[in-house]
Structure formats: C-alpha cells, structure tokens
Amino acid sequence: MAMQFYASPEQVQRDRSEYARKGIARGRSAVVLTYEGGILLVAENITTLRKISEIYDKIGFAAVGRYNEFESLRRAGIRMADVNGYSYDRRDVTGRFLANAYTQTLGAIFTETQKPYEVEICIAQVGASPETDELYRITYDGSVMDEPGFMAMGGQAEAISNVLRERHDSAAELPVALALAAEALGSVGGENGQTRKLDAKQLEVAVLDRRRKGRAFRRIHGVALTTLLEGQKDVPEQDLGDVDAAPPPAGTDKPAVSAASEPTPTPVTPAEGDPAEPTDGVNGDGS
C-alpha cells in the first residue's frame, strides 16, 4: 500500500506564502500617500485595466497582483458597501469596515483553498483633515496594517517605501506629492539599477479630494496629468477628470422606456348616428 504524502501545516503555509509573494513581486508597483488636499493613489500601469478605483463616497481602492483576483475583490467590496449604505446609513460604510471584510475573505482563502490569492490591496479613506485620513494595507494572507500616511505595494515595494519614507510630507501640494510618487515608482526597474522617468502614459492616477462634497474620488489623466507632472499647480477643475463610474446622462433623442411597455390604445367604435371619420380625403368623399 502506497503511503500518502504528508507535509506539516507550517510547511504548507510557508509554501503558500512564498508562492503568493513571488506572484505579487512580478507585477508593477502602486503607491498611496496623503497630501494637503486628500489622498493620492498612483500605479504604474500601461494597460487600460484599472488598478485604482472608487469603492464608496470617501473610500478608494488600489491593488497589485493578479488582475482577475483583485477585480473580483473590488466588485465584492462595492456591492457590500452599497448594500450596507442602503440598509443602514451611508456613514456606516467606513474604510475600517471594508478592511475587516477583506481581511476575513483573504484569510479564509489563504487557509482553506489550495491556491492563495496573489494580491495585495489598499483601502484608503479620506477624512476632514490629514490627521483623520486612513490607509489600510491587506496582504494575501489576510493580514491588515494601518499605514502611517504612505505605502507601496508590488514589485520592489521596500525600495520604493524607502524613497517615500525619506521625503513624504502630508502637507505637500498635489504636484509635489505626484512628483514624489512618480519618482519613487521610477527608482526601481531600470537597467543595471538605473532610475526611470515615468510619463503620463505609464501612470494611472486618482485622488480622494477632501474638499469635494459627496463622492471624493477623481481620476487625473490626459492634459491635467501631464500638467501636474510638469509641476504646474493651476489645473482647471473640469480637466481633472470625472468621478469613477458616473452614469451617462439620458439622451434627449432616445425614448426613456421601451415601446413594448407602452399600453396598446383601445380602438374607438363610433356610436350609431355619428358621422364616420374621414378616410381617403379631407371631406370624406375623396375630394
């Protein structure tokens, strides 16, 4: 009788951790940091697939790793936030609430399934002041850390974090914070250890603006992103991009309801003695 292969629980956990870490390290990095006007989320991304997104009114989401895995987590978080905000109160949906939910989900996946998720995510909530901003980092095994104003994920995250640690300033303006994030992401990945200069086409950028009422999430792209990377401060509000997933306005030349949903008109039969409606001509006699 063949003996069944045995591995200790400690060895299984170590193998899963190493597998997940290697998968995350192969991806491009992302940076989240606070600045004077809110929270800045920057990811190195040359595709049209999003690494940064909105979760709720004041809450943003950033992730690195396998896209299909963190995309399913993002969608689940949006559904959970919407259901709880509708069932109770919008103020009950907080970054800490979502971080706890993601911690339980990733922890269960790591311990109960054969393959762990190769993801690392950040839940960021902007507050009324820089002191009330919240950054939560959730790793592949369900561990959660409350980060002190900045964090880096994916790729060579430790080297990027060292750059942020030396120069991060929560009172900096948006162009300064964006320049630091781009420089930190470009400090690794070059040939022979050389630094790189990332342009607007290589970055995905969004902010959680504490000065906006309602939904604080705004994407920055195109001319606005290029202008900010050049260090200019005066960017028109309309050029900063739209809120994420905003529904398009209803078209004026299209019906608002389906034609099939309209009630069918009941034909009217003329009463006896009433003249019939004209059919062929104006006067009803063909003339």
Protein backbone atom coordinates (compact mmCIF):
# COMPACT_ATOMS: atom_id res chain seq x y z
CA MET A 1 0.00 0.00 0.00
CA ALA A 2 1.44 3.37 -1.04
CA MET A 3 1.94 5.87 1.75
CA GLN A 4 0.14 9.19 1.45
CA PHE A 5 2.35 12.24 1.02
CA TYR A 6 2.47 14.33 4.20
CA ALA A 7 3.50 17.95 4.73
CA SER A 8 3.31 19.75 8.03
CA PRO A 9 0.88 22.69 8.34
CA GLU A 10 3.84 25.02 8.84
CA GLN A 11 5.43 23.89 5.58
CA VAL A 12 2.15 24.26 3.70
CA GLN A 13 1.74 27.82 4.97
CA ARG A 14 5.33 28.69 4.05
CA ASP A 15 4.88 27.31 0.54
CA ARG A 16 1.67 29.27 0.04
CA SER A 17 3.25 32.47 1.32
CA GLU A 18 6.26 32.10 -0.97
CA TYR A 19 4.01 31.37 -3.95
CA ALA A 20 1.87 34.47 -3.31
CA ARG A 21 4.85 36.76 -2.66
CA LYS A 22 6.56 35.73 -5.90
CA GLY A 23 3.40 36.35 -7.88
CA ILE A 24 2.92 39.83 -6.38
CA ALA A 25 6.59 40.77 -6.88
CA ARG A 26 6.34 40.07 -10.62
CA GLY A 27 3.74 42.81 -11.06
CA ARG A 28 4.13 46.57 -11.35
CA SER A 29 4.01 48.66 -8.22
CA ALA A 30 1.46 51.09 -6.80
CA VAL A 31 1.84 53.94 -4.31
CA VAL A 32 -0.70 55.54 -1.98
CA LEU A 33 0.16 58.62 0.07
CA THR A 34 -1.51 61.53 1.77
CA TYR A 35 -1.10 65.15 0.73
CA GLU A 36 -2.52 68.51 1.73
CA GLY A 37 -5.80 68.09 -0.17
CA GLY A 38 -6.51 64.42 0.46
CA ILE A 39 -5.08 61.06 -0.62
CA LEU A 40 -3.16 60.38 -3.85
CA LEU A 41 -3.25 56.94 -5.50
CA VAL A 42 -0.68 56.24 -8.23
CA ALA A 43 0.01 52.96 -10.04
CA GLU A 44 2.42 52.12 -12.81
CA ASN A 45 0.05 50.87 -15.47
CA ILE A 46 0.41 50.80 -19.27
CA THR A 47 -2.85 48.92 -19.91
CA THR A 48 -6.47 50.02 -19.92
CA LEU A 49 -7.27 47.71 -16.99
CA ARG A 50 -7.75 49.60 -13.75
CA LYS A 51 -5.68 49.07 -10.63
CA ILE A 52 -7.25 52.04 -8.86
CA SER A 53 -10.96 52.52 -8.30
CA GLU A 54 -13.66 54.03 -6.15
CA ILE A 55 -15.38 51.91 -3.52
CA TYR A 56 -17.70 54.43 -1.86
CA ASP A 57 -18.17 58.15 -1.28
CA LYS A 58 -14.86 58.81 0.52
CA ILE A 59 -13.17 55.44 0.02
CA GLY A 60 -10.71 54.38 -2.68
CA PHE A 61 -9.22 51.03 -3.69
CA ALA A 62 -5.77 50.21 -5.07
CA ALA A 63 -4.35 46.77 -5.80
CA VAL A 64 -1.43 44.88 -7.31
CA GLY A 65 -1.07 41.27 -8.36
CA ARG A 66 -3.36 39.11 -10.49
CA TYR A 67 -6.00 41.28 -12.13
CA ASN A 68 -8.84 38.74 -12.15
CA GLU A 69 -8.41 38.12 -8.43
CA PHE A 70 -8.30 41.68 -7.17
CA GLU A 71 -11.05 42.69 -9.61
CA SER A 72 -13.40 40.15 -8.01
CA LEU A 73 -12.48 41.56 -4.59
CA ARG A 74 -13.13 45.10 -5.79
CA ARG A 75 -16.58 44.25 -7.12
CA ALA A 76 -17.49 42.39 -3.93
CA GLY A 77 -16.42 45.39 -1.86
CA ILE A 78 -18.58 47.76 -3.91
CA ARG A 79 -21.61 45.51 -3.51
CA MET A 80 -21.06 45.20 0.23
CA ALA A 81 -20.66 48.96 0.65
CA ASP A 82 -23.77 49.71 -1.39
CA VAL A 83 -25.92 47.19 0.48
CA ASN A 84 -24.84 48.39 3.91
CA GLY A 85 -25.14 52.05 2.97
CA TYR A 86 -28.65 51.49 1.64
CA SER A 87 -29.78 49.22 4.50
CA TYR A 88 -28.45 51.37 7.35
CA ASP A 89 -26.70 54.69 6.81
CA ARG A 90 -24.01 55.89 4.41
CA ARG A 91 -21.90 56.93 7.39
CA ASP A 92 -21.75 53.29 8.49
CA VAL A 93 -19.63 52.41 5.46
CA THR A 94 -16.05 53.13 6.52
CA GLY A 95 -12.58 52.12 5.46
CA ARG A 96 -12.14 50.09 8.62
CA PHE A 97 -15.37 48.20 7.92
CA LEU A 98 -14.21 47.25 4.42
CA ALA A 99 -10.69 46.41 5.58
CA ASN A 100 -12.13 43.97 8.14
CA ALA A 101 -14.26 42.33 5.46
CA TYR A 102 -11.30 41.94 3.08
CA THR A 103 -9.17 40.57 5.91
CA GLN A 104 -11.67 37.81 6.63
CA THR A 105 -12.10 36.96 2.96
CA LEU A 106 -8.40 36.77 2.12
CA GLY A 107 -7.63 34.94 5.36
CA ALA A 108 -10.22 32.27 4.58
CA ILE A 109 -8.95 31.88 1.01
CA PHE A 110 -5.35 31.54 2.21
CA THR A 111 -6.06 28.85 4.80
CA GLU A 112 -8.87 26.88 3.19
CA THR A 113 -8.04 26.75 -0.52
CA GLN A 114 -5.12 25.11 -2.30
CA LYS A 115 -4.04 28.28 -4.12
CA PRO A 116 -3.89 31.65 -2.30
CA TYR A 117 -4.76 34.93 -4.00
CA GLU A 118 -1.71 36.67 -5.45
CA VAL A 119 -2.91 40.13 -4.48
CA GLU A 120 -2.16 42.99 -2.16
CA ILE A 121 -4.72 45.76 -1.73
CA CYS A 122 -5.08 49.14 -0.09
CA ILE A 123 -8.28 50.66 1.28
CA ALA A 124 -7.96 54.44 1.65
CA GLN A 125 -10.49 56.72 3.30
CA VAL A 126 -10.12 60.50 3.18
CA GLY A 127 -11.14 62.46 6.26
CA ALA A 128 -11.96 66.05 7.06
CA SER A 129 -8.29 66.70 7.96
CA PRO A 130 -4.96 64.96 7.24
CA GLU A 131 -4.97 63.52 10.75
CA THR A 132 -8.19 61.62 10.05
CA ASP A 133 -7.07 60.02 6.77
CA GLU A 134 -6.91 56.21 6.90
CA LEU A 135 -4.76 53.81 4.87
CA TYR A 136 -5.21 50.07 5.33
CA ARG A 137 -2.93 47.54 3.69
CA ILE A 138 -4.32 44.00 3.34
CA THR A 139 -1.98 41.24 2.19
CA TYR A 140 -2.59 37.89 0.51
CA ASP A 141 -2.92 36.02 3.83
CA GLY A 142 -5.48 38.39 5.37
CA SER A 143 -3.03 40.41 7.45
CA VAL A 144 -4.02 44.07 7.81
CA MET A 145 -1.80 47.03 8.69
CA ASP A 146 -2.71 50.64 9.37
CA GLU A 147 -0.12 52.56 7.36
CA PRO A 148 1.19 55.96 8.58
CA GLY A 149 0.45 58.24 5.63
CA PHE A 150 2.10 56.35 2.76
CA MET A 151 2.61 52.84 1.43
CA ALA A 152 3.95 50.94 -1.60
CA MET A 153 2.78 47.60 -2.95
CA GLY A 154 4.04 45.12 -5.54
CA GLY A 155 7.37 44.85 -7.34
CA GLN A 156 10.24 46.17 -5.22
CA ALA A 157 7.94 47.72 -2.63
CA GLU A 158 10.62 48.01 0.06
CA ALA A 159 12.93 50.14 -2.09
CA ILE A 160 10.01 52.37 -3.12
CA SER A 161 8.94 52.73 0.50
CA ASN A 162 12.43 53.94 1.44
CA VAL A 163 12.11 56.83 -1.03
CA LEU A 164 8.69 57.75 0.32
CA ARG A 165 9.85 57.47 3.92
CA GLU A 166 12.63 60.00 3.39
CA ARG A 167 10.62 62.67 1.60
CA HIS A 168 6.91 62.21 2.27
CA ASP A 169 5.13 65.30 3.60
CA SER A 170 1.42 65.19 4.36
CA ALA A 171 1.26 68.99 3.97
CA ALA A 172 2.66 68.94 0.40
CA GLU A 173 0.56 70.16 -2.51
CA LEU A 174 -0.68 67.82 -5.22
CA PRO A 175 2.07 68.46 -7.84
CA VAL A 176 4.78 67.85 -5.22
CA ALA A 177 3.12 64.65 -3.98
CA LEU A 178 2.63 63.38 -7.53
CA ALA A 179 6.26 64.10 -8.43
CA LEU A 180 7.40 62.15 -5.36
CA ALA A 181 5.15 59.19 -6.21
CA ALA A 182 6.37 59.10 -9.84
CA GLU A 183 10.00 59.37 -8.72
CA ALA A 184 9.56 56.58 -6.17
CA LEU A 185 7.98 54.26 -8.75
CA GLY A 186 10.76 55.10 -11.23
CA SER A 187 13.53 54.48 -8.69
CA VAL A 188 13.38 50.73 -9.42
CA GLY A 189 13.07 48.62 -12.54
CA GLY A 190 15.69 50.35 -14.70
CA GLU A 191 18.55 48.65 -16.49
CA ASN A 192 21.55 47.99 -14.26
CA GLY A 193 19.75 49.57 -11.32
CA GLN A 194 19.28 52.90 -13.08
CA THR A 195 16.29 55.10 -12.30
CA ARG A 196 13.50 55.66 -14.79
CA LYS A 197 11.38 58.70 -15.59
CA LEU A 198 7.72 57.76 -15.91
CA ASP A 199 5.43 59.87 -18.06
CA ALA A 200 1.66 60.29 -18.09
CA LYS A 201 1.13 57.28 -20.40
CA GLN A 202 2.75 54.96 -17.87
CA LEU A 203 0.80 56.10 -14.82
CA GLU A 204 -2.72 55.63 -13.52
CA VAL A 205 -3.53 58.43 -11.09
CA ALA A 206 -6.52 59.29 -8.92
CA VAL A 207 -7.19 61.37 -5.82
CA LEU A 208 -9.60 61.36 -2.91
CA ASP A 209 -10.22 65.10 -2.59
CA ARG A 210 -11.30 66.08 0.92
CA ARG A 211 -12.68 69.41 -0.33
CA ARG A 212 -15.32 67.80 -2.55
CA LYS A 213 -18.78 67.12 -1.18
CA GLY A 214 -20.24 63.70 -1.75
CA ARG A 215 -18.04 61.49 -3.90
CA ALA A 216 -14.41 62.45 -3.34
CA PHE A 217 -12.83 60.15 -5.94
CA ARG A 218 -11.49 61.79 -9.11
CA ARG A 219 -9.28 60.37 -11.84
CA ILE A 220 -6.49 62.50 -13.26
CA HIS A 221 -5.47 61.81 -16.85
CA GLY A 222 -4.63 63.41 -20.15
CA VAL A 223 -3.63 67.06 -20.20
CA ALA A 224 -4.29 67.51 -16.48
CA LEU A 225 -1.89 64.70 -15.55
CA THR A 226 0.81 66.00 -17.89
CA THR A 227 0.43 69.48 -16.44
CA LEU A 228 0.74 68.26 -12.86
CA LEU A 229 3.78 66.12 -13.69
CA GLU A 230 5.44 69.25 -15.05
CA GLY A 231 4.97 70.87 -11.65
CA GLN A 232 2.24 73.33 -12.56
CA LYS A 233 -0.45 73.97 -9.98
CA ASP A 234 -3.15 75.75 -11.94
CA VAL A 235 -5.20 72.96 -13.49
CA PRO A 236 -8.82 73.77 -14.38
CA GLU A 237 -11.34 71.83 -12.33
CA GLN A 238 -13.05 70.48 -15.46
CA ASP A 239 -9.75 68.96 -16.65
CA LEU A 240 -9.20 66.84 -13.54
CA GLY A 241 -11.36 64.01 -14.83
CA ASP A 242 -14.73 62.65 -13.82
CA VAL A 243 -15.83 60.66 -10.84
CA ASP A 244 -15.46 56.95 -11.42
CA ALA A 245 -18.31 55.00 -13.00
CA ALA A 246 -20.59 58.03 -13.28
CA PRO A 247 -23.78 57.13 -15.18
CA PRO A 248 -24.13 58.82 -18.58
CA PRO A 249 -26.90 61.41 -18.98
CA ALA A 250 -30.10 60.27 -20.66
CA GLY A 251 -30.17 61.04 -24.37
CA THR A 252 -32.81 63.54 -25.46
CA ASP A 253 -33.33 61.80 -28.80
CA LYS A 254 -33.94 58.35 -27.35
CA PRO A 255 -37.08 57.05 -25.62
CA ALA A 256 -36.81 56.60 -21.88
CA VAL A 257 -38.98 53.45 -21.89
CA SER A 258 -39.38 50.52 -24.21
CA ALA A 259 -42.09 50.71 -26.85
CA ALA A 260 -43.29 47.29 -25.73
CA SER A 261 -44.07 48.68 -22.28
CA GLU A 262 -46.50 51.28 -23.64
CA PRO A 263 -50.18 50.29 -23.29
CA THR A 264 -51.89 49.40 -26.55
CA PRO A 265 -54.58 52.01 -27.40
CA THR A 266 -58.13 50.70 -27.49
CA PRO A 267 -59.88 51.40 -30.83
CA VAL A 268 -62.95 53.64 -30.52
CA THR A 269 -66.09 52.49 -32.35
CA PRO A 270 -68.26 55.40 -33.49
CA ALA A 271 -71.70 55.47 -31.95
CA GLU A 272 -74.78 54.86 -34.11
CA GLY A 273 -75.77 58.01 -35.93
CA ASP A 274 -72.34 59.68 -35.57
CA PRO A 275 -70.51 60.56 -38.78
CA ALA A 276 -67.58 58.30 -39.55
CA GLU A 277 -64.05 59.72 -39.56
CA PRO A 278 -62.70 60.71 -42.98
CA THR A 279 -60.54 58.05 -44.58
CA ASP A 280 -59.44 58.98 -48.07
CA GLY A 281 -59.87 62.72 -48.35
CA VAL A 282 -60.35 65.84 -46.34
CA ASN A 283 -64.09 65.80 -46.73
CA GLY A 284 -64.51 62.04 -46.57
CA ASP A 285 -65.77 61.80 -50.16
CA GLY A 286 -62.39 61.54 -51.85
CA SER A 287 -62.24 65.21 -52.79
